[in-house]
Amino acid sequence: MKAAVLQWIRQRLQGRKALTEIERARMLVAAIDRGGIPLNPARVNAIARDLGLEVSRKAPVEETVERIRGCLLRHREWDQ
């Protein structure tokens, strides 16, 4: 039973590629633009840190999202 479950998991994950920090940031901003609300501030902070931004744990999520937007706008060459 355990082997069957592990095999099923491997098949489901096979072929998936990991998202880059830029793709994760774009997905976050797009979801917020569609009306979504980021429920996990730690995840938003992690995305910002992956982009090279310094983020305080106490920083409001809205401020961090705006900093991510600014970073994506400044580095438009990442769109290639």
N, C-alpha and C. Protein backbone atom coordinates (compact mmCIF):
# COMPACT_ATOMS: atom_id res chain seq x y z
N MET A 1 0.83 -1.19 0.00
CA MET A 1 0.00 0.00 0.00
C MET A 1 0.87 1.26 0.00
N LYS A 2 1.87 1.27 0.88
CA LYS A 2 2.74 2.44 0.98
C LYS A 2 3.51 2.66 -0.32
N ALA A 3 3.98 1.58 -0.93
CA ALA A 3 4.72 1.69 -2.19
C ALA A 3 3.82 2.23 -3.30
N ALA A 4 2.57 1.83 -3.30
CA ALA A 4 1.63 2.31 -4.32
C ALA A 4 1.38 3.81 -4.18
N VAL A 5 1.28 4.27 -2.95
CA VAL A 5 1.06 5.69 -2.71
C VAL A 5 2.28 6.50 -3.15
N LEU A 6 3.47 6.02 -2.80
CA LEU A 6 4.69 6.70 -3.21
C LEU A 6 4.83 6.74 -4.73
N GLN A 7 4.48 5.65 -5.38
CA GLN A 7 4.55 5.62 -6.84
C GLN A 7 3.56 6.62 -7.44
N TRP A 8 2.37 6.72 -6.88
CA TRP A 8 1.37 7.66 -7.36
C TRP A 8 1.87 9.10 -7.21
N ILE A 9 2.49 9.39 -6.07
CA ILE A 9 3.02 10.74 -5.83
C ILE A 9 4.12 11.05 -6.83
N ARG A 10 5.02 10.11 -7.05
CA ARG A 10 6.11 10.33 -8.01
C ARG A 10 5.56 10.61 -9.41
N GLN A 11 4.54 9.86 -9.81
CA GLN A 11 3.95 10.07 -11.14
C GLN A 11 3.31 11.45 -11.24
N ARG A 12 2.68 11.90 -10.16
CA ARG A 12 2.03 13.21 -10.18
C ARG A 12 3.05 14.35 -10.27
N LEU A 13 4.19 14.17 -9.61
CA LEU A 13 5.19 15.23 -9.57
C LEU A 13 6.17 15.17 -10.73
N GLN A 14 6.20 14.06 -11.42
CA GLN A 14 7.14 13.90 -12.53
C GLN A 14 6.78 14.87 -13.65
N GLY A 15 7.77 15.53 -14.18
CA GLY A 15 7.53 16.45 -15.28
C GLY A 15 7.27 17.88 -14.85
N ARG A 16 7.02 18.11 -13.57
CA ARG A 16 6.82 19.48 -13.11
C ARG A 16 8.17 20.14 -12.91
N LYS A 17 8.25 21.38 -13.31
CA LYS A 17 9.48 22.11 -13.07
C LYS A 17 9.22 23.14 -11.97
N ALA A 18 10.23 23.42 -11.23
CA ALA A 18 10.10 24.39 -10.15
C ALA A 18 9.96 25.79 -10.73
N LEU A 19 9.14 26.60 -10.10
CA LEU A 19 8.94 27.97 -10.55
C LEU A 19 10.12 28.83 -10.09
N THR A 20 10.50 29.77 -10.91
CA THR A 20 11.54 30.70 -10.52
C THR A 20 10.94 31.74 -9.59
N GLU A 21 11.79 32.49 -8.92
CA GLU A 21 11.29 33.53 -8.00
C GLU A 21 10.54 34.60 -8.78
N ILE A 22 10.94 34.83 -10.02
CA ILE A 22 10.27 35.84 -10.84
C ILE A 22 8.87 35.37 -11.21
N GLU A 23 8.74 34.11 -11.58
CA GLU A 23 7.42 33.56 -11.91
C GLU A 23 6.51 33.57 -10.69
N ARG A 24 7.07 33.24 -9.53
CA ARG A 24 6.27 33.26 -8.31
C ARG A 24 5.79 34.67 -8.00
N ALA A 25 6.67 35.66 -8.20
CA ALA A 25 6.30 37.06 -7.94
C ALA A 25 5.22 37.51 -8.91
N ARG A 26 5.36 37.17 -10.18
CA ARG A 26 4.33 37.53 -11.17
C ARG A 26 2.99 36.89 -10.84
N MET A 27 3.02 35.63 -10.43
CA MET A 27 1.78 34.94 -10.08
C MET A 27 1.11 35.60 -8.87
N LEU A 28 1.91 36.00 -7.89
CA LEU A 28 1.38 36.67 -6.71
C LEU A 28 0.72 37.98 -7.09
N VAL A 29 1.40 38.80 -7.87
CA VAL A 29 0.86 40.10 -8.27
C VAL A 29 -0.39 39.91 -9.13
N ALA A 30 -0.37 38.94 -10.03
CA ALA A 30 -1.55 38.69 -10.87
C ALA A 30 -2.74 38.26 -10.04
N ALA A 31 -2.52 37.42 -9.04
CA ALA A 31 -3.61 36.96 -8.18
C ALA A 31 -4.20 38.12 -7.38
N ILE A 32 -3.34 39.00 -6.90
CA ILE A 32 -3.82 40.16 -6.14
C ILE A 32 -4.58 41.11 -7.06
N ASP A 33 -4.11 41.28 -8.29
CA ASP A 33 -4.80 42.13 -9.25
C ASP A 33 -6.18 41.59 -9.60
N ARG A 34 -6.34 40.28 -9.53
CA ARG A 34 -7.66 39.67 -9.80
C ARG A 34 -8.58 39.73 -8.59
N GLY A 35 -8.09 40.32 -7.49
CA GLY A 35 -8.93 40.48 -6.31
C GLY A 35 -8.59 39.55 -5.18
N GLY A 36 -7.53 38.79 -5.31
CA GLY A 36 -7.14 37.88 -4.24
C GLY A 36 -6.48 38.60 -3.09
N ILE A 37 -6.46 37.94 -1.96
CA ILE A 37 -5.84 38.48 -0.76
C ILE A 37 -4.77 37.50 -0.31
N PRO A 38 -3.53 37.96 -0.17
CA PRO A 38 -2.48 37.06 0.31
C PRO A 38 -2.73 36.68 1.77
N LEU A 39 -2.94 35.41 2.02
CA LEU A 39 -3.27 34.95 3.36
C LEU A 39 -2.04 34.62 4.19
N ASN A 40 -0.91 34.41 3.54
CA ASN A 40 0.28 34.00 4.26
C ASN A 40 1.38 35.06 4.08
N PRO A 41 1.52 35.97 5.05
CA PRO A 41 2.54 37.02 4.93
C PRO A 41 3.96 36.46 4.82
N ALA A 42 4.21 35.33 5.43
CA ALA A 42 5.54 34.73 5.35
C ALA A 42 5.89 34.34 3.92
N ARG A 43 4.91 33.86 3.17
CA ARG A 43 5.14 33.49 1.78
C ARG A 43 5.44 34.73 0.93
N VAL A 44 4.70 35.80 1.18
CA VAL A 44 4.94 37.05 0.45
C VAL A 44 6.34 37.56 0.76
N ASN A 45 6.73 37.52 2.03
CA ASN A 45 8.07 37.95 2.42
C ASN A 45 9.14 37.07 1.79
N ALA A 46 8.89 35.78 1.71
CA ALA A 46 9.86 34.86 1.10
C ALA A 46 10.06 35.18 -0.38
N ILE A 47 8.97 35.48 -1.08
CA ILE A 47 9.07 35.84 -2.50
C ILE A 47 9.89 37.12 -2.64
N ALA A 48 9.62 38.10 -1.78
CA ALA A 48 10.36 39.36 -1.84
C ALA A 48 11.84 39.13 -1.56
N ARG A 49 12.15 38.31 -0.58
CA ARG A 49 13.55 38.04 -0.26
C ARG A 49 14.24 37.30 -1.40
N ASP A 50 13.51 36.40 -2.05
CA ASP A 50 14.08 35.69 -3.20
C ASP A 50 14.43 36.64 -4.34
N LEU A 51 13.70 37.75 -4.43
CA LEU A 51 13.99 38.76 -5.45
C LEU A 51 15.14 39.67 -5.03
N GLY A 52 15.62 39.51 -3.80
CA GLY A 52 16.74 40.32 -3.33
C GLY A 52 16.33 41.52 -2.50
N LEU A 53 15.06 41.60 -2.14
CA LEU A 53 14.58 42.71 -1.32
C LEU A 53 14.78 42.38 0.16
N GLU A 54 15.11 43.39 0.94
CA GLU A 54 15.18 43.21 2.38
C GLU A 54 13.81 43.53 2.96
N VAL A 55 13.25 42.58 3.71
CA VAL A 55 11.89 42.73 4.21
C VAL A 55 11.88 42.43 5.71
N SER A 56 11.27 43.32 6.46
CA SER A 56 11.09 43.09 7.89
C SER A 56 9.92 42.14 8.10
N ARG A 57 10.02 41.34 9.14
CA ARG A 57 8.89 40.45 9.46
C ARG A 57 7.68 41.26 9.87
N LYS A 58 7.90 42.48 10.32
CA LYS A 58 6.80 43.32 10.80
C LYS A 58 6.23 44.21 9.71
N ALA A 59 6.80 44.16 8.52
CA ALA A 59 6.32 45.01 7.42
C ALA A 59 4.92 44.59 6.99
N PRO A 60 4.05 45.55 6.73
CA PRO A 60 2.70 45.20 6.24
C PRO A 60 2.79 44.50 4.88
N VAL A 61 1.90 43.55 4.67
CA VAL A 61 1.90 42.77 3.43
C VAL A 61 1.69 43.69 2.22
N GLU A 62 0.83 44.68 2.37
CA GLU A 62 0.54 45.59 1.26
C GLU A 62 1.81 46.32 0.82
N GLU A 63 2.62 46.73 1.79
CA GLU A 63 3.87 47.42 1.47
C GLU A 63 4.84 46.48 0.75
N THR A 64 4.90 45.25 1.20
CA THR A 64 5.79 44.27 0.57
C THR A 64 5.35 43.98 -0.86
N VAL A 65 4.06 43.87 -1.08
CA VAL A 65 3.55 43.62 -2.42
C VAL A 65 3.89 44.78 -3.34
N GLU A 66 3.77 45.99 -2.85
CA GLU A 66 4.12 47.16 -3.67
C GLU A 66 5.61 47.16 -4.00
N ARG A 67 6.43 46.75 -3.06
CA ARG A 67 7.88 46.66 -3.32
C ARG A 67 8.17 45.60 -4.37
N ILE A 68 7.43 44.49 -4.34
CA ILE A 68 7.59 43.43 -5.35
C ILE A 68 7.19 43.97 -6.71
N ARG A 69 6.06 44.69 -6.77
CA ARG A 69 5.63 45.30 -8.03
C ARG A 69 6.70 46.23 -8.58
N GLY A 70 7.24 47.06 -7.72
CA GLY A 70 8.28 47.99 -8.14
C GLY A 70 9.51 47.27 -8.67
N CYS A 71 9.87 46.20 -8.01
CA CYS A 71 11.03 45.41 -8.45
C CYS A 71 10.79 44.82 -9.84
N LEU A 72 9.60 44.29 -10.06
CA LEU A 72 9.27 43.71 -11.36
C LEU A 72 9.25 44.79 -12.45
N LEU A 73 8.78 45.99 -12.10
CA LEU A 73 8.75 47.08 -13.07
C LEU A 73 10.16 47.58 -13.40
N ARG A 74 11.02 47.65 -12.38
CA ARG A 74 12.40 48.12 -12.61
C ARG A 74 13.19 47.15 -13.47
N HIS A 75 12.87 45.88 -13.37
CA HIS A 75 13.64 44.86 -14.07
C HIS A 75 12.80 44.21 -15.16
N ARG A 76 12.42 44.99 -16.11
CA ARG A 76 11.59 44.49 -17.21
C ARG A 76 12.33 43.49 -18.10
N GLU A 77 13.66 43.48 -18.03
CA GLU A 77 14.42 42.52 -18.84
C GLU A 77 14.14 41.08 -18.39
N TRP A 78 13.57 40.91 -17.20
CA TRP A 78 13.21 39.58 -16.73
C TRP A 78 12.05 38.99 -17.53
N ASP A 79 11.36 39.83 -18.30
CA ASP A 79 10.20 39.37 -19.08
C ASP A 79 10.62 38.51 -20.27
N GLN A 80 11.89 38.48 -20.59
CA GLN A 80 12.34 37.76 -21.78
C GLN A 80 12.23 36.29 -21.60
